[in-house]
Amino acid sequence: MMPLRREMVFLDSLYAEHESGFGDEEYRAIFRKVAYQVDHGTWSEKTGYDFPALPRQTRGNDCGVFVLMYTLSMVFGIRFQFQEMDIPIIRQWWCLLLMERFQIDGYGHRFAFWTEAARSVLDGKILLLFRVKRKTTSNLPAHVQAVQDRERNDKRLVDLIITSKSAEKHLVDILGGKRSNWFPLKPRSQVPVYIENEQSQSIICDYIRGILNKTKTQLTFNDEVEFICGCLLPEAITHGISELQGLSWLEAEDVFLQGPIYHASEVEEFNRRIAREMKNLPNKNLDDL
C-alpha cells in the first residue's frame, strides 16, 4: 500500500493462475477498506500482470520467499532481479541476514537447540539444509529424463533472456528499425518452435509484450501476437542462445533453426506408442489416420 500515491499493489507469486492476478479476494476487500480509511480518494490497484517479467512461482512452497523479494525490490525501487531457480540461495541469504541482524545469542534458552549450528553457518563452516530429496527406488526412464533435461535447459534460456539487459536492448533495436531476418514476417511453418514448454513460452512472450508496449517502433504489423511469435521471439531466443552457449550470432541462429534436439530414447518411445495405437486399429489404413 502506497498512501502518497493512493496505490495498492497485490502481488501473488501464483498470479498467473488467477484471472484477476491475485488469489484471495477477501484480503483484497480488507485492504480496500483500510485504504478508504486512510484516504477517501480513488485508489489504483496493480497485480503481477502490471509488472513485465515479474518472477513467478511454479512449484513447491516458496511463496513466502517470493513475497519477501517482491517487497525488498519495491522498497528499494529496483527491478525484480531474481528467478525461481534462485530461491534456495535466497533462502540462505535471508537466514544469514536475520541471524546477523538480530544476534543469535539474544534469545536465551528459547533457541538454544540450534544456536551452535547457527554459529557454524555464520562462520561458513556448514551450509544450510533446505530440503532432503526423497530417495527413489529406480532411475527415471531415459525418455522422461530427456524431457526434464530439455525443459530445464529451456528454463535457463528463458531466465537469461528476461534478465539480460543486452537481450532487451537487442529487441528495442529491432523495434527501432535494426535489420531482422524475421521481418517482414514469414509463414508460421517456417518459424521453428524452439521452446516447447507452454509455461516457458508464456513467460517469455509476456516479457516481450511488455517491451513492445513501452517501445516506439518503426515496424508496421497487423497482429501483435503474430509479430511477437514470428519476429521478436526468434530474435530473443537466438540472442539468448548466443549468450548462454557463447556462440556467434550465425552459430546461434543455426542452433535455433535446427530446433530442439530429441534424445534417441524419446524417438523410440514415440515409435512404441504409435505401434501400440496401430494395434488397436486393425481395420484402419494409414490414409485413414
C-alpha atoms as a PDB file:
ATOM      1  CA  MET A   1       0.000   0.000   0.000  1.00  0.00           C
ATOM      2  CA  MET A   2       1.422   3.398  -1.054  1.00  0.00           C
ATOM      3  CA  PRO A   3      -0.716   6.130   0.564  1.00  0.00           C
ATOM      4  CA  LEU A   4       1.046   9.106  -1.023  1.00  0.00           C
ATOM      5  CA  ARG A   5       0.308   7.724  -4.476  1.00  0.00           C
ATOM      6  CA  ARG A   6      -3.038   6.212  -3.460  1.00  0.00           C
ATOM      7  CA  GLU A   7      -1.913   2.925  -4.930  1.00  0.00           C
ATOM      8  CA  MET A   8      -2.344  -0.674  -3.799  1.00  0.00           C
ATOM      9  CA  VAL A   9      -0.160  -3.452  -5.160  1.00  0.00           C
ATOM     10  CA  PHE A  10      -1.433  -7.023  -4.824  1.00  0.00           C
ATOM     11  CA  LEU A  11       1.462  -9.309  -5.674  1.00  0.00           C
ATOM     12  CA  ASP A  12       0.836 -13.039  -5.703  1.00  0.00           C
ATOM     13  CA  SER A  13       3.638 -15.406  -6.739  1.00  0.00           C
ATOM     14  CA  LEU A  14       0.935 -17.580  -8.339  1.00  0.00           C
ATOM     15  CA  TYR A  15      -0.689 -14.625 -10.103  1.00  0.00           C
ATOM     16  CA  ALA A  16      -0.698 -16.359 -13.490  1.00  0.00           C
ATOM     17  CA  GLU A  17      -3.155 -18.931 -12.136  1.00  0.00           C
ATOM     18  CA  HIS A  18      -5.759 -16.263 -11.384  1.00  0.00           C
ATOM     19  CA  GLU A  19      -7.599 -14.172 -13.944  1.00  0.00           C
ATOM     20  CA  SER A  20      -7.642 -11.208 -11.543  1.00  0.00           C
ATOM     21  CA  GLY A  21      -3.900 -11.571 -10.825  1.00  0.00           C
ATOM     22  CA  PHE A  22      -4.458 -12.162  -7.102  1.00  0.00           C
ATOM     23  CA  GLY A  23      -5.587 -15.321  -5.353  1.00  0.00           C
ATOM     24  CA  ASP A  24      -7.541 -14.015  -2.371  1.00  0.00           C
ATOM     25  CA  GLU A  25     -10.386 -11.588  -2.991  1.00  0.00           C
ATOM     26  CA  GLU A  26     -11.200 -11.497   0.730  1.00  0.00           C
ATOM     27  CA  TYR A  27      -7.839  -9.923   1.542  1.00  0.00           C
ATOM     28  CA  ARG A  28      -8.260  -7.560  -1.370  1.00  0.00           C
ATOM     29  CA  ALA A  29     -11.584  -6.369   0.072  1.00  0.00           C
ATOM     30  CA  ILE A  30      -9.989  -5.867   3.500  1.00  0.00           C
ATOM     31  CA  PHE A  31      -7.207  -3.695   2.076  1.00  0.00           C
ATOM     32  CA  ARG A  32      -9.702  -1.657   0.086  1.00  0.00           C
ATOM     33  CA  LYS A  33     -11.498  -0.830   3.339  1.00  0.00           C
ATOM     34  CA  VAL A  34      -8.209   0.072   5.033  1.00  0.00           C
ATOM     35  CA  ALA A  35      -7.246   2.250   2.054  1.00  0.00           C
ATOM     36  CA  TYR A  36     -10.570   4.093   2.235  1.00  0.00           C
ATOM     37  CA  GLN A  37      -9.999   4.819   5.922  1.00  0.00           C
ATOM     38  CA  VAL A  38      -6.527   6.194   5.140  1.00  0.00           C
ATOM     39  CA  ASP A  39      -7.723   8.353   2.234  1.00  0.00           C
ATOM     40  CA  HIS A  40     -11.253   8.662   0.863  1.00  0.00           C
ATOM     41  CA  GLY A  41      -9.932   9.378  -2.640  1.00  0.00           C
ATOM     42  CA  THR A  42      -9.764   6.950  -5.550  1.00  0.00           C
ATOM     43  CA  TRP A  43      -7.062   4.308  -5.244  1.00  0.00           C
ATOM     44  CA  SER A  44      -5.467   2.488  -8.167  1.00  0.00           C
ATOM     45  CA  GLU A  45      -4.708  -1.215  -7.973  1.00  0.00           C
ATOM     46  CA  LYS A  46      -1.953  -3.270  -9.560  1.00  0.00           C
ATOM     47  CA  THR A  47      -1.270  -7.004  -9.752  1.00  0.00           C
ATOM     48  CA  GLY A  48       1.503  -9.148 -11.165  1.00  0.00           C
ATOM     49  CA  TYR A  49       0.113  -8.614 -14.655  1.00  0.00           C
ATOM     50  CA  ASP A  50       1.130  -4.930 -14.407  1.00  0.00           C
ATOM     51  CA  PHE A  51       4.826  -5.789 -13.923  1.00  0.00           C
ATOM     52  CA  PRO A  52       6.518  -7.173 -17.062  1.00  0.00           C
ATOM     53  CA  ALA A  53       8.573 -10.315 -16.401  1.00  0.00           C
ATOM     54  CA  LEU A  54       7.562 -10.484 -12.731  1.00  0.00           C
ATOM     55  CA  PRO A  55       9.153 -13.679 -11.323  1.00  0.00           C
ATOM     56  CA  ARG A  56       6.504 -16.243 -10.565  1.00  0.00           C
ATOM     57  CA  GLN A  57       6.229 -19.480  -8.643  1.00  0.00           C
ATOM     58  CA  THR A  58       5.542 -22.758 -10.398  1.00  0.00           C
ATOM     59  CA  ARG A  59       6.266 -25.338  -7.700  1.00  0.00           C
ATOM     60  CA  GLY A  60       6.932 -26.021  -4.024  1.00  0.00           C
ATOM     61  CA  ASN A  61       6.204 -23.809  -1.045  1.00  0.00           C
ATOM     62  CA  ASP A  62       8.292 -20.762  -1.907  1.00  0.00           C
ATOM     63  CA  CYS A  63       5.518 -18.152  -1.768  1.00  0.00           C
ATOM     64  CA  GLY A  64       6.893 -16.515   1.411  1.00  0.00           C
ATOM     65  CA  VAL A  65      10.323 -16.013  -0.140  1.00  0.00           C
ATOM     66  CA  PHE A  66       8.723 -14.549  -3.260  1.00  0.00           C
ATOM     67  CA  VAL A  67       6.779 -12.041  -1.137  1.00  0.00           C
ATOM     68  CA  LEU A  68       9.960 -11.038   0.721  1.00  0.00           C
ATOM     69  CA  MET A  69      11.791 -10.422  -2.549  1.00  0.00           C
ATOM     70  CA  TYR A  70       8.831  -8.577  -4.097  1.00  0.00           C
ATOM     71  CA  THR A  71       8.744  -6.287  -1.055  1.00  0.00           C
ATOM     72  CA  LEU A  72      12.509  -5.760  -0.962  1.00  0.00           C
ATOM     73  CA  SER A  73      12.587  -4.858  -4.663  1.00  0.00           C
ATOM     74  CA  MET A  74       9.707  -2.381  -4.360  1.00  0.00           C
ATOM     75  CA  VAL A  75      11.034  -0.722  -1.198  1.00  0.00           C
ATOM     76  CA  PHE A  76      14.385  -0.048  -2.849  1.00  0.00           C
ATOM     77  CA  GLY A  77      12.851   0.789  -6.220  1.00  0.00           C
ATOM     78  CA  ILE A  78      14.840  -1.833  -8.133  1.00  0.00           C
ATOM     79  CA  ARG A  79      13.864  -4.365 -10.792  1.00  0.00           C
ATOM     80  CA  PHE A  80      12.780  -7.857  -9.788  1.00  0.00           C
ATOM     81  CA  GLN A  81      16.226  -9.340 -10.400  1.00  0.00           C
ATOM     82  CA  PHE A  82      15.655 -12.925  -9.298  1.00  0.00           C
ATOM     83  CA  GLN A  83      14.073 -16.080 -10.663  1.00  0.00           C
ATOM     84  CA  GLU A  84      12.544 -19.211  -9.200  1.00  0.00           C
ATOM     85  CA  MET A  85      15.807 -21.106  -9.681  1.00  0.00           C
ATOM     86  CA  ASP A  86      17.478 -18.625  -7.277  1.00  0.00           C
ATOM     87  CA  ILE A  87      15.110 -19.338  -4.369  1.00  0.00           C
ATOM     88  CA  PRO A  88      17.356 -21.866  -2.490  1.00  0.00           C
ATOM     89  CA  ILE A  89      20.268 -19.426  -2.272  1.00  0.00           C
ATOM     90  CA  ILE A  90      17.858 -16.563  -1.451  1.00  0.00           C
ATOM     91  CA  ARG A  91      16.535 -18.609   1.487  1.00  0.00           C
ATOM     92  CA  GLN A  92      20.078 -18.980   2.769  1.00  0.00           C
ATOM     93  CA  TRP A  93      20.751 -15.266   2.322  1.00  0.00           C
ATOM     94  CA  TRP A  94      17.640 -14.312   4.321  1.00  0.00           C
ATOM     95  CA  CYS A  95      18.534 -16.748   7.119  1.00  0.00           C
ATOM     96  CA  LEU A  96      22.040 -15.338   7.402  1.00  0.00           C
ATOM     97  CA  LEU A  97      20.735 -11.769   7.246  1.00  0.00           C
ATOM     98  CA  LEU A  98      18.258 -12.348  10.094  1.00  0.00           C
ATOM     99  CA  MET A  99      20.781 -14.173  12.281  1.00  0.00           C
ATOM    100  CA  GLU A 100      23.423 -11.483  11.790  1.00  0.00           C
ATOM    101  CA  ARG A 101      20.946  -8.637  12.336  1.00  0.00           C
ATOM    102  CA  PHE A 102      19.230  -9.910  15.470  1.00  0.00           C
ATOM    103  CA  GLN A 103      22.099 -11.835  17.075  1.00  0.00           C
ATOM    104  CA  ILE A 104      21.509 -15.495  17.831  1.00  0.00           C
ATOM    105  CA  ASP A 105      22.555 -15.162  21.494  1.00  0.00           C
ATOM    106  CA  GLY A 106      19.797 -12.700  22.328  1.00  0.00           C
ATOM    107  CA  TYR A 107      17.023 -15.253  22.593  1.00  0.00           C
ATOM    108  CA  GLY A 108      18.207 -17.072  25.716  1.00  0.00           C
ATOM    109  CA  HIS A 109      17.230 -20.697  26.004  1.00  0.00           C
ATOM    110  CA  ARG A 110      14.357 -20.452  23.547  1.00  0.00           C
ATOM    111  CA  PHE A 111      16.560 -21.229  20.546  1.00  0.00           C
ATOM    112  CA  ALA A 112      19.370 -22.964  22.429  1.00  0.00           C
ATOM    113  CA  PHE A 113      18.877 -26.145  20.411  1.00  0.00           C
ATOM    114  CA  TRP A 114      20.108 -24.520  17.203  1.00  0.00           C
ATOM    115  CA  THR A 115      22.398 -21.737  18.417  1.00  0.00           C
ATOM    116  CA  GLU A 116      25.598 -23.734  17.929  1.00  0.00           C
ATOM    117  CA  ALA A 117      24.562 -24.796  14.449  1.00  0.00           C
ATOM    118  CA  ALA A 118      23.626 -21.207  13.589  1.00  0.00           C
ATOM    119  CA  ARG A 119      27.081 -20.016  14.648  1.00  0.00           C
ATOM    120  CA  SER A 120      28.629 -22.611  12.358  1.00  0.00           C
ATOM    121  CA  VAL A 121      26.515 -21.310   9.474  1.00  0.00           C
ATOM    122  CA  LEU A 122      27.558 -17.725  10.168  1.00  0.00           C
ATOM    123  CA  ASP A 123      31.198 -18.802  10.312  1.00  0.00           C
ATOM    124  CA  GLY A 124      30.827 -20.551   6.971  1.00  0.00           C
ATOM    125  CA  LYS A 125      31.632 -23.983   8.434  1.00  0.00           C
ATOM    126  CA  ILE A 126      28.395 -25.627   7.311  1.00  0.00           C
ATOM    127  CA  LEU A 127      25.737 -24.916   4.716  1.00  0.00           C
ATOM    128  CA  LEU A 128      22.048 -24.612   5.450  1.00  0.00           C
ATOM    129  CA  LEU A 129      19.971 -27.663   4.613  1.00  0.00           C
ATOM    130  CA  PHE A 130      16.696 -26.679   2.977  1.00  0.00           C
ATOM    131  CA  ARG A 131      15.138 -29.860   1.732  1.00  0.00           C
ATOM    132  CA  VAL A 132      16.126 -33.527   1.686  1.00  0.00           C
ATOM    133  CA  LYS A 133      15.410 -35.127  -1.655  1.00  0.00           C
ATOM    134  CA  ARG A 134      13.217 -38.189  -1.443  1.00  0.00           C
ATOM    135  CA  LYS A 135      15.030 -41.364  -2.381  1.00  0.00           C
ATOM    136  CA  THR A 136      13.757 -43.184  -5.421  1.00  0.00           C
ATOM    137  CA  THR A 137      13.743 -46.919  -5.849  1.00  0.00           C
ATOM    138  CA  SER A 138      14.658 -46.731  -9.529  1.00  0.00           C
ATOM    139  CA  ASN A 139      16.065 -44.277 -12.018  1.00  0.00           C
ATOM    140  CA  LEU A 140      13.796 -42.346 -14.347  1.00  0.00           C
ATOM    141  CA  PRO A 141      13.277 -43.808 -17.820  1.00  0.00           C
ATOM    142  CA  ALA A 142      15.697 -42.294 -20.324  1.00  0.00           C
ATOM    143  CA  HIS A 143      12.963 -40.612 -22.378  1.00  0.00           C
ATOM    144  CA  VAL A 144      11.450 -38.996 -19.256  1.00  0.00           C
ATOM    145  CA  GLN A 145      14.862 -37.764 -18.121  1.00  0.00           C
ATOM    146  CA  ALA A 146      15.494 -36.345 -21.589  1.00  0.00           C
ATOM    147  CA  VAL A 147      12.262 -34.327 -21.456  1.00  0.00           C
ATOM    148  CA  GLN A 148      13.094 -32.987 -17.992  1.00  0.00           C
ATOM    149  CA  ASP A 149      16.612 -32.024 -19.091  1.00  0.00           C
ATOM    150  CA  ARG A 150      15.262 -30.165 -22.113  1.00  0.00           C
ATOM    151  CA  GLU A 151      12.690 -28.310 -20.000  1.00  0.00           C
ATOM    152  CA  ARG A 152      15.423 -27.382 -17.521  1.00  0.00           C
ATOM    153  CA  ASN A 153      17.601 -26.014 -20.323  1.00  0.00           C
ATOM    154  CA  ASP A 154      14.623 -24.105 -21.749  1.00  0.00           C
ATOM    155  CA  LYS A 155      14.056 -22.505 -18.345  1.00  0.00           C
ATOM    156  CA  ARG A 156      17.706 -21.456 -18.115  1.00  0.00           C
ATOM    157  CA  LEU A 157      17.402 -19.879 -21.561  1.00  0.00           C
ATOM    158  CA  VAL A 158      14.189 -18.027 -20.663  1.00  0.00           C
ATOM    159  CA  ASP A 159      15.601 -16.824 -17.339  1.00  0.00           C
ATOM    160  CA  LEU A 160      18.685 -15.472 -19.111  1.00  0.00           C
ATOM    161  CA  ILE A 161      16.647 -13.658 -21.756  1.00  0.00           C
ATOM    162  CA  ILE A 162      14.302 -11.874 -19.346  1.00  0.00           C
ATOM    163  CA  THR A 163      17.135 -10.794 -17.029  1.00  0.00           C
ATOM    164  CA  SER A 164      19.640  -9.791 -19.705  1.00  0.00           C
ATOM    165  CA  LYS A 165      19.869  -6.095 -20.457  1.00  0.00           C
ATOM    166  CA  SER A 166      21.597  -6.846 -23.749  1.00  0.00           C
ATOM    167  CA  ALA A 167      18.653  -9.017 -24.819  1.00  0.00           C
ATOM    168  CA  GLU A 168      16.238  -6.179 -24.060  1.00  0.00           C
ATOM    169  CA  LYS A 169      18.465  -3.730 -25.922  1.00  0.00           C
ATOM    170  CA  HIS A 170      18.559  -6.059 -28.923  1.00  0.00           C
ATOM    171  CA  LEU A 171      14.757  -6.210 -29.057  1.00  0.00           C
ATOM    172  CA  VAL A 172      14.496  -2.443 -28.685  1.00  0.00           C
ATOM    173  CA  ASP A 173      16.966  -2.051 -31.565  1.00  0.00           C
ATOM    174  CA  ILE A 174      14.864  -4.361 -33.735  1.00  0.00           C
ATOM    175  CA  LEU A 175      11.776  -2.291 -32.935  1.00  0.00           C
ATOM    176  CA  GLY A 176      13.786   0.808 -33.811  1.00  0.00           C
ATOM    177  CA  GLY A 177      14.477  -0.453 -37.317  1.00  0.00           C
ATOM    178  CA  LYS A 178      17.537  -2.697 -36.972  1.00  0.00           C
ATOM    179  CA  ARG A 179      17.575  -5.340 -39.711  1.00  0.00           C
ATOM    180  CA  SER A 180      15.962  -8.648 -38.768  1.00  0.00           C
ATOM    181  CA  ASN A 181      15.878 -11.875 -40.747  1.00  0.00           C
ATOM    182  CA  TRP A 182      12.395 -12.411 -39.317  1.00  0.00           C
ATOM    183  CA  PHE A 183      10.810  -9.231 -40.654  1.00  0.00           C
ATOM    184  CA  PRO A 184       8.835  -8.984 -42.855  1.00  0.00           C
ATOM    185  CA  LEU A 185       7.067 -11.885 -41.193  1.00  0.00           C
ATOM    186  CA  LYS A 186       7.410 -15.377 -42.619  1.00  0.00           C
ATOM    187  CA  PRO A 187       4.744 -18.098 -42.736  1.00  0.00           C
ATOM    188  CA  ARG A 188       4.343 -19.766 -39.365  1.00  0.00           C
ATOM    189  CA  SER A 189       5.520 -23.083 -40.805  1.00  0.00           C
ATOM    190  CA  GLN A 190       8.962 -21.530 -41.360  1.00  0.00           C
ATOM    191  CA  VAL A 191       9.383 -20.377 -37.742  1.00  0.00           C
ATOM    192  CA  PRO A 192      10.876 -23.103 -35.501  1.00  0.00           C
ATOM    193  CA  VAL A 193       9.253 -23.872 -32.151  1.00  0.00           C
ATOM    194  CA  TYR A 194      12.493 -23.953 -30.181  1.00  0.00           C
ATOM    195  CA  ILE A 195      10.912 -23.769 -26.704  1.00  0.00           C
ATOM    196  CA  GLU A 196       8.180 -26.394 -26.319  1.00  0.00           C
ATOM    197  CA  ASN A 197       7.173 -25.904 -22.676  1.00  0.00           C
ATOM    198  CA  GLU A 198       3.960 -23.851 -22.662  1.00  0.00           C
ATOM    199  CA  GLN A 199       4.748 -22.152 -19.367  1.00  0.00           C
ATOM    200  CA  SER A 200       8.182 -21.048 -20.590  1.00  0.00           C
ATOM    201  CA  GLN A 201       6.567 -19.823 -23.816  1.00  0.00           C
ATOM    202  CA  SER A 202       4.053 -17.791 -21.821  1.00  0.00           C
ATOM    203  CA  ILE A 203       6.736 -16.224 -19.600  1.00  0.00           C
ATOM    204  CA  ILE A 204       8.949 -15.098 -22.462  1.00  0.00           C
ATOM    205  CA  CYS A 205       6.022 -13.855 -24.580  1.00  0.00           C
ATOM    206  CA  ASP A 206       4.706 -11.800 -21.656  1.00  0.00           C
ATOM    207  CA  TYR A 207       8.172 -10.311 -21.246  1.00  0.00           C
ATOM    208  CA  ILE A 208       8.440  -9.443 -24.949  1.00  0.00           C
ATOM    209  CA  ARG A 209       4.932  -7.973 -24.936  1.00  0.00           C
ATOM    210  CA  GLY A 210       5.996  -5.681 -22.081  1.00  0.00           C
ATOM    211  CA  ILE A 211       8.939  -4.400 -24.119  1.00  0.00           C
ATOM    212  CA  LEU A 212       6.754  -3.939 -27.192  1.00  0.00           C
ATOM    213  CA  ASN A 213       4.133  -1.960 -25.262  1.00  0.00           C
ATOM    214  CA  LYS A 214       6.666   0.510 -23.863  1.00  0.00           C
ATOM    215  CA  THR A 215       8.771   0.961 -27.013  1.00  0.00           C
ATOM    216  CA  LYS A 216       8.002   3.082 -30.061  1.00  0.00           C
ATOM    217  CA  THR A 217       8.535   1.091 -33.235  1.00  0.00           C
ATOM    218  CA  GLN A 218       9.031   1.917 -36.881  1.00  0.00           C
ATOM    219  CA  LEU A 219       7.771  -1.519 -37.911  1.00  0.00           C
ATOM    220  CA  THR A 220       4.194  -1.964 -39.034  1.00  0.00           C
ATOM    221  CA  PHE A 221       2.207  -5.117 -38.348  1.00  0.00           C
ATOM    222  CA  ASN A 222      -1.452  -6.107 -38.221  1.00  0.00           C
ATOM    223  CA  ASP A 223      -1.422  -8.716 -35.464  1.00  0.00           C
ATOM    224  CA  GLU A 224       0.558  -8.260 -32.237  1.00  0.00           C
ATOM    225  CA  VAL A 225       0.670 -11.977 -31.426  1.00  0.00           C
ATOM    226  CA  GLU A 226       1.938 -12.897 -34.894  1.00  0.00           C
ATOM    227  CA  PHE A 227       4.553 -10.137 -34.724  1.00  0.00           C
ATOM    228  CA  ILE A 228       5.804 -11.351 -31.336  1.00  0.00           C
ATOM    229  CA  CYS A 229       5.841 -15.050 -32.281  1.00  0.00           C
ATOM    230  CA  GLY A 230       7.146 -14.511 -35.813  1.00  0.00           C
ATOM    231  CA  CYS A 231       9.786 -11.830 -35.239  1.00  0.00           C
ATOM    232  CA  LEU A 232      10.610 -10.771 -31.667  1.00  0.00           C
ATOM    233  CA  LEU A 233      10.510 -14.280 -30.183  1.00  0.00           C
ATOM    234  CA  PRO A 234      13.006 -15.762 -32.688  1.00  0.00           C
ATOM    235  CA  GLU A 235      15.259 -12.722 -32.179  1.00  0.00           C
ATOM    236  CA  ALA A 236      15.097 -13.059 -28.373  1.00  0.00           C
ATOM    237  CA  ILE A 237      15.767 -16.811 -28.418  1.00  0.00           C
ATOM    238  CA  THR A 238      18.662 -16.503 -30.854  1.00  0.00           C
ATOM    239  CA  HIS A 239      20.199 -13.775 -28.706  1.00  0.00           C
ATOM    240  CA  GLY A 240      19.737 -15.927 -25.604  1.00  0.00           C
ATOM    241  CA  ILE A 241      21.348 -18.975 -27.246  1.00  0.00           C
ATOM    242  CA  SER A 242      24.283 -16.821 -28.279  1.00  0.00           C
ATOM    243  CA  GLU A 243      24.817 -15.576 -24.711  1.00  0.00           C
ATOM    244  CA  LEU A 244      24.129 -18.864 -22.954  1.00  0.00           C
ATOM    245  CA  GLN A 245      26.315 -21.025 -25.166  1.00  0.00           C
ATOM    246  CA  GLY A 246      28.947 -18.433 -26.070  1.00  0.00           C
ATOM    247  CA  LEU A 247      28.217 -18.665 -29.803  1.00  0.00           C
ATOM    248  CA  SER A 248      28.456 -16.155 -32.612  1.00  0.00           C
ATOM    249  CA  TRP A 249      25.170 -14.805 -33.951  1.00  0.00           C
ATOM    250  CA  LEU A 250      25.324 -17.028 -37.055  1.00  0.00           C
ATOM    251  CA  GLU A 251      26.092 -20.103 -34.943  1.00  0.00           C
ATOM    252  CA  ALA A 252      23.242 -19.305 -32.551  1.00  0.00           C
ATOM    253  CA  GLU A 253      20.904 -18.784 -35.485  1.00  0.00           C
ATOM    254  CA  ASP A 254      21.814 -22.231 -36.841  1.00  0.00           C
ATOM    255  CA  VAL A 255      21.056 -23.789 -33.432  1.00  0.00           C
ATOM    256  CA  PHE A 256      17.674 -22.036 -33.349  1.00  0.00           C
ATOM    257  CA  LEU A 257      16.780 -23.095 -36.901  1.00  0.00           C
ATOM    258  CA  GLN A 258      17.620 -26.721 -36.115  1.00  0.00           C
ATOM    259  CA  GLY A 259      15.066 -26.639 -33.304  1.00  0.00           C
ATOM    260  CA  PRO A 260      15.119 -28.738 -30.129  1.00  0.00           C
ATOM    261  CA  ILE A 261      17.267 -31.872 -30.122  1.00  0.00           C
ATOM    262  CA  TYR A 262      15.472 -35.090 -29.189  1.00  0.00           C
ATOM    263  CA  HIS A 263      17.140 -37.986 -27.421  1.00  0.00           C
ATOM    264  CA  ALA A 264      17.092 -41.366 -29.194  1.00  0.00           C
ATOM    265  CA  SER A 265      15.046 -42.784 -26.304  1.00  0.00           C
ATOM    266  CA  GLU A 266      12.284 -40.229 -26.987  1.00  0.00           C
ATOM    267  CA  VAL A 267      12.086 -41.321 -30.615  1.00  0.00           C
ATOM    268  CA  GLU A 268      11.971 -44.980 -29.559  1.00  0.00           C
ATOM    269  CA  GLU A 269       9.207 -44.277 -27.035  1.00  0.00           C
ATOM    270  CA  PHE A 270       7.233 -42.353 -29.662  1.00  0.00           C
ATOM    271  CA  ASN A 271       7.549 -45.266 -32.108  1.00  0.00           C
ATOM    272  CA  ARG A 272       6.445 -47.731 -29.434  1.00  0.00           C
ATOM    273  CA  ARG A 273       3.393 -45.611 -28.648  1.00  0.00           C
ATOM    274  CA  ILE A 274       2.435 -45.353 -32.300  1.00  0.00           C
ATOM    275  CA  ALA A 275       2.865 -49.120 -32.685  1.00  0.00           C
ATOM    276  CA  ARG A 276       0.546 -49.744 -29.720  1.00  0.00           C
ATOM    277  CA  GLU A 277      -2.068 -47.416 -31.166  1.00  0.00           C
ATOM    278  CA  MET A 278      -1.837 -49.093 -34.563  1.00  0.00           C
ATOM    279  CA  LYS A 279      -2.529 -52.472 -32.971  1.00  0.00           C
ATOM    280  CA  ASN A 280      -5.766 -51.068 -31.625  1.00  0.00           C
ATOM    281  CA  LEU A 281      -6.811 -50.078 -35.152  1.00  0.00           C
ATOM    282  CA  PRO A 282      -6.546 -53.346 -37.094  1.00  0.00           C
ATOM    283  CA  ASN A 283      -9.008 -52.307 -39.777  1.00  0.00           C
ATOM    284  CA  LYS A 284      -7.611 -48.857 -40.419  1.00  0.00           C
ATOM    285  CA  ASN A 285      -5.311 -47.843 -43.240  1.00  0.00           C
ATOM    286  CA  LEU A 286      -2.614 -45.238 -42.826  1.00  0.00           C
ATOM    287  CA  ASP A 287      -4.576 -42.991 -45.184  1.00  0.00           C
ATOM    288  CA  ASP A 288      -7.463 -43.020 -42.720  1.00  0.00           C
ATOM    289  CA  LEU A 289      -5.360 -41.664 -39.838  1.00  0.00           C
END
